[in-house]
Amino acid sequence: MLKAQLHIHVFGDPRDRIKYTPQELIERATELKYEVLAITCHRKVIFSEELRIFAEKKGIVLLSGIELRIEGKDVLAINITKEIENTRSFGELRAYKKAHPKCLIIAPHPFFIFGSLMRKRLIKNIDLFDAIEHSFFYTKSLNFNKPAIKIAKKYDKPMVATSDCHILKLLDLSYSMIDAKKNPESIINAIKNNRLEIYSKPLSIFKLIKSFLKMLITLKFFRN
């Protein structure tokens, strides 16, 4: 089983002011025994052969990724090429996926307030998504993951736990364990076939508010 974190932002994200570099992320992930990472900055692919090799030397498979803005909604795309950056519609994304069948499309935080797909948009495009995100951001009494879990079960979609990391200290709040060989193709296939387990537990109200405020100050529109 490979410990994986598939929703992470780093320095250079066009939308967020992230302090840590991709290299610092990889160093921290090594300490936490991660074996799979996907850097998913907003509208920008931050991935290079140099970074891939750096991660490989640490025992980590680094996957290319991005958090797209599709018709006003957030969508994660993993194991992709840089040309995906200009994708803005579900039609364009569907065409990209057809041309790149080894990519992975995830619905992130689909029932949260900002940038969420919400029920109608998610169901309308359910064929496009390979998995649905189980977000770290919840408590026992306030859990927006519940409707996402119902849809995942109804449409037989895997749930992928992530930390949506903007602050390195929060990297290990929620993650997935994937039953795959240590290469991109095996990892993507394992996720699509639901060969994974999610590790996530509810936050206390105090930790949820504290985490939210810490993430909020990374947003450029908030800082400006």
Protein backbone atom coordinates (compact mmCIF):
# COMPACT_ATOMS: atom_id res chain seq x y z
CA MET A 1 0.00 0.00 0.00
CA LEU A 2 1.39 3.38 -1.03
CA LYS A 3 0.73 6.44 1.14
CA ALA A 4 -0.54 9.19 -1.16
CA GLN A 5 -1.37 12.89 -1.04
CA LEU A 6 -3.11 14.04 -4.22
CA HIS A 7 -4.19 17.65 -3.58
CA ILE A 8 -1.32 20.00 -2.67
CA HIS A 9 -0.44 23.63 -3.40
CA VAL A 10 3.12 24.99 -3.40
CA PHE A 11 5.08 28.20 -3.96
CA GLY A 12 4.35 29.53 -7.44
CA ASP A 13 0.60 28.89 -7.29
CA PRO A 14 -1.04 31.73 -9.26
CA ARG A 15 -3.90 32.04 -6.77
CA ASP A 16 -2.41 31.26 -3.37
CA ARG A 17 0.56 32.68 -1.47
CA ILE A 18 2.28 29.46 -0.46
CA LYS A 19 5.53 29.78 1.49
CA TYR A 20 7.05 26.34 0.93
CA THR A 21 8.69 25.23 -2.32
CA PRO A 22 8.06 21.92 -4.13
CA GLN A 23 11.41 20.70 -2.80
CA GLU A 24 10.43 21.57 0.78
CA LEU A 25 7.14 19.75 0.27
CA ILE A 26 8.94 16.64 -0.93
CA GLU A 27 11.35 16.76 2.01
CA ARG A 28 8.46 16.98 4.49
CA ALA A 29 6.53 14.25 2.68
CA THR A 30 9.57 12.00 2.94
CA GLU A 31 9.60 12.49 6.72
CA LEU A 32 5.92 11.51 6.82
CA LYS A 33 6.62 8.38 4.71
CA TYR A 34 4.63 9.41 1.64
CA GLU A 35 5.32 7.47 -1.55
CA VAL A 36 2.96 9.29 -3.95
CA LEU A 37 2.44 13.04 -4.36
CA ALA A 38 0.55 15.21 -6.82
CA ILE A 39 1.19 18.97 -6.87
CA THR A 40 -2.11 20.58 -7.92
CA CYS A 41 -1.70 24.35 -8.10
CA HIS A 42 -4.49 26.53 -9.48
CA ARG A 43 -4.49 26.75 -13.29
CA LYS A 44 -0.76 26.01 -13.49
CA VAL A 45 1.16 22.77 -13.86
CA ILE A 46 4.18 22.89 -11.54
CA PHE A 47 5.99 19.76 -12.60
CA SER A 48 9.35 19.11 -14.23
CA GLU A 49 11.69 16.23 -14.92
CA GLU A 50 14.07 17.76 -12.38
CA LEU A 51 11.39 17.70 -9.68
CA ARG A 52 10.36 14.17 -10.63
CA ILE A 53 13.94 12.94 -10.23
CA PHE A 54 14.34 14.83 -6.95
CA ALA A 55 11.24 13.09 -5.59
CA GLU A 56 12.30 9.71 -6.98
CA LYS A 57 15.58 9.93 -5.07
CA LYS A 58 13.46 10.36 -1.91
CA GLY A 59 11.40 7.27 -2.75
CA ILE A 60 8.38 9.27 -3.96
CA VAL A 61 6.44 9.02 -7.21
CA LEU A 62 5.64 12.61 -8.20
CA LEU A 63 2.59 12.96 -10.45
CA SER A 64 1.87 16.02 -12.55
CA GLY A 65 -1.32 17.77 -11.51
CA ILE A 66 -3.44 20.91 -11.56
CA GLU A 67 -6.56 22.38 -9.97
CA LEU A 68 -8.56 23.70 -12.90
CA ARG A 69 -11.37 26.22 -12.89
CA ILE A 70 -14.04 24.68 -15.10
CA GLU A 71 -17.11 26.83 -15.74
CA GLY A 72 -16.58 28.47 -12.35
CA LYS A 73 -16.01 25.17 -10.50
CA ASP A 74 -12.85 23.50 -9.17
CA VAL A 75 -11.67 20.25 -10.73
CA LEU A 76 -8.51 18.26 -10.00
CA ALA A 77 -6.63 16.67 -12.89
CA ILE A 78 -3.66 14.37 -12.28
CA ASN A 79 -1.10 12.68 -14.52
CA ILE A 80 -1.60 15.36 -17.13
CA THR A 81 0.39 17.48 -19.59
CA LYS A 82 0.95 21.23 -19.50
CA GLU A 83 -1.49 21.83 -22.37
CA ILE A 84 -4.40 21.24 -19.99
CA GLU A 85 -3.79 24.67 -18.39
CA ASN A 86 -6.06 26.43 -20.90
CA THR A 87 -9.03 24.10 -20.32
CA ARG A 88 -12.06 26.09 -19.18
CA SER A 89 -15.18 24.04 -19.98
CA PHE A 90 -16.45 20.54 -19.25
CA GLY A 91 -16.56 19.91 -22.99
CA GLU A 92 -12.89 20.81 -23.35
CA LEU A 93 -11.99 18.67 -20.34
CA ARG A 94 -13.93 15.73 -21.75
CA ALA A 95 -12.01 16.09 -25.04
CA TYR A 96 -8.70 16.29 -23.17
CA LYS A 97 -9.48 13.14 -21.20
CA LYS A 98 -10.41 11.28 -24.37
CA ALA A 99 -7.03 12.22 -25.84
CA HIS A 100 -5.22 11.40 -22.57
CA PRO A 101 -7.00 8.35 -21.10
CA LYS A 102 -4.29 7.78 -18.48
CA CYS A 103 -5.14 11.00 -16.65
CA LEU A 104 -7.21 11.06 -13.46
CA ILE A 105 -10.09 13.53 -12.91
CA ILE A 106 -11.24 14.14 -9.32
CA ALA A 107 -14.15 16.21 -7.99
CA PRO A 108 -12.62 18.17 -5.09
CA HIS A 109 -14.66 19.32 -2.07
CA PRO A 110 -17.86 19.09 -4.19
CA PHE A 111 -20.25 20.35 -1.51
CA PHE A 112 -18.27 23.19 0.01
CA ILE A 113 -19.29 26.84 -0.36
CA PHE A 114 -16.59 28.18 -2.68
CA GLY A 115 -15.75 26.69 -6.08
CA SER A 116 -17.72 23.53 -5.44
CA LEU A 117 -19.38 21.40 -8.09
CA MET A 118 -22.52 20.95 -5.98
CA ARG A 119 -24.99 18.16 -6.63
CA LYS A 120 -26.51 19.06 -10.04
CA ARG A 121 -23.22 19.96 -11.74
CA LEU A 122 -21.46 16.89 -10.35
CA ILE A 123 -24.21 14.47 -11.36
CA LYS A 124 -24.56 16.05 -14.80
CA ASN A 125 -20.87 15.37 -15.46
CA ILE A 126 -20.45 12.24 -13.34
CA ASP A 127 -19.11 10.24 -16.30
CA LEU A 128 -16.13 12.60 -16.48
CA PHE A 129 -14.97 11.98 -12.91
CA ASP A 130 -12.84 9.02 -11.86
CA ALA A 131 -13.06 9.78 -8.14
CA ILE A 132 -14.55 12.15 -5.57
CA GLU A 133 -12.55 13.87 -2.87
CA HIS A 134 -13.08 13.23 0.83
CA SER A 135 -11.93 16.54 2.28
CA PHE A 136 -10.07 16.94 5.57
CA PHE A 137 -12.23 19.98 6.40
CA TYR A 138 -15.02 18.63 8.63
CA THR A 139 -16.07 17.94 12.20
CA LYS A 140 -18.40 15.32 13.69
CA SER A 141 -21.33 17.72 13.55
CA LEU A 142 -20.43 19.67 10.38
CA ASN A 143 -19.51 17.37 7.53
CA PHE A 144 -19.90 18.39 3.88
CA ASN A 145 -18.40 15.06 2.88
CA LYS A 146 -21.66 13.23 3.65
CA PRO A 147 -23.47 14.11 0.38
CA ALA A 148 -20.26 13.41 -1.54
CA ILE A 149 -20.08 9.94 0.02
CA LYS A 150 -23.70 9.25 -0.99
CA ILE A 151 -23.03 10.21 -4.61
CA ALA A 152 -19.81 8.18 -4.68
CA LYS A 153 -21.73 5.11 -3.52
CA LYS A 154 -24.64 5.69 -5.89
CA TYR A 155 -22.41 6.07 -8.96
CA ASP A 156 -19.72 3.61 -7.82
CA LYS A 157 -16.96 6.22 -7.65
CA PRO A 158 -13.88 5.88 -5.40
CA MET A 159 -13.37 8.35 -2.56
CA VAL A 160 -9.89 9.86 -2.31
CA ALA A 161 -8.87 11.49 0.97
CA THR A 162 -6.67 14.59 0.66
CA SER A 163 -5.42 17.50 2.76
CA ASP A 164 -5.79 20.23 0.07
CA CYS A 165 -2.52 21.37 1.62
CA HIS A 166 -1.71 25.10 1.71
CA ILE A 167 0.29 24.92 4.95
CA LEU A 168 2.95 22.27 5.38
CA LYS A 169 2.00 21.51 8.99
CA LEU A 170 -1.41 20.35 7.73
CA LEU A 171 -0.05 17.94 5.11
CA ASP A 172 -0.90 14.79 7.06
CA LEU A 173 -4.46 15.60 8.18
CA SER A 174 -6.06 13.33 5.60
CA TYR A 175 -4.55 10.96 3.02
CA SER A 176 -5.06 7.80 0.98
CA MET A 177 -3.36 4.40 0.90
CA ILE A 178 -3.25 2.95 -2.61
CA ASP A 179 -2.84 -0.72 -3.48
CA ALA A 180 -0.53 -0.30 -6.47
CA LYS A 181 2.95 -0.78 -7.81
CA LYS A 182 5.24 2.22 -7.53
CA ASN A 183 4.69 3.76 -10.95
CA PRO A 184 2.19 6.31 -12.32
CA GLU A 185 0.18 3.93 -14.51
CA SER A 186 -0.34 1.40 -11.72
CA ILE A 187 -1.27 4.16 -9.24
CA ILE A 188 -3.83 5.76 -11.57
CA ASN A 189 -5.36 2.38 -12.45
CA ALA A 190 -5.60 1.41 -8.77
CA ILE A 191 -7.47 4.62 -7.92
CA LYS A 192 -9.87 4.23 -10.84
CA ASN A 193 -10.59 0.66 -9.72
CA ASN A 194 -11.08 1.69 -6.08
CA ARG A 195 -8.07 -0.21 -4.77
CA LEU A 196 -7.43 2.25 -1.98
CA GLU A 197 -8.29 3.10 1.60
CA ILE A 198 -8.85 6.58 3.01
CA TYR A 199 -7.47 7.82 6.31
CA SER A 200 -9.28 10.82 7.72
CA LYS A 201 -10.81 11.83 11.03
CA PRO A 202 -12.97 14.80 12.01
CA LEU A 203 -11.33 17.92 13.37
CA SER A 204 -12.33 19.66 16.54
CA ILE A 205 -14.21 22.92 16.01
CA PHE A 206 -11.16 24.79 17.30
CA LYS A 207 -8.78 23.06 14.87
CA LEU A 208 -11.19 23.49 11.97
CA ILE A 209 -11.48 27.25 12.55
CA LYS A 210 -7.73 27.57 13.09
CA SER A 211 -6.99 25.62 9.88
CA PHE A 212 -9.52 27.68 7.92
CA LEU A 213 -8.00 30.97 9.05
CA LYS A 214 -4.49 29.78 8.24
CA MET A 215 -5.57 28.74 4.76
CA LEU A 216 -7.55 31.94 4.23
CA ILE A 217 -4.51 34.17 4.61
CA THR A 218 -2.75 32.26 1.82
CA LEU A 219 -5.35 33.46 -0.69
CA LYS A 220 -4.07 36.32 -2.82
CA PHE A 221 -7.43 38.07 -3.07
CA PHE A 222 -7.58 38.12 0.74
CA ARG A 223 -4.06 39.42 1.18
CA ASN A 224 -4.34 42.19 -1.44
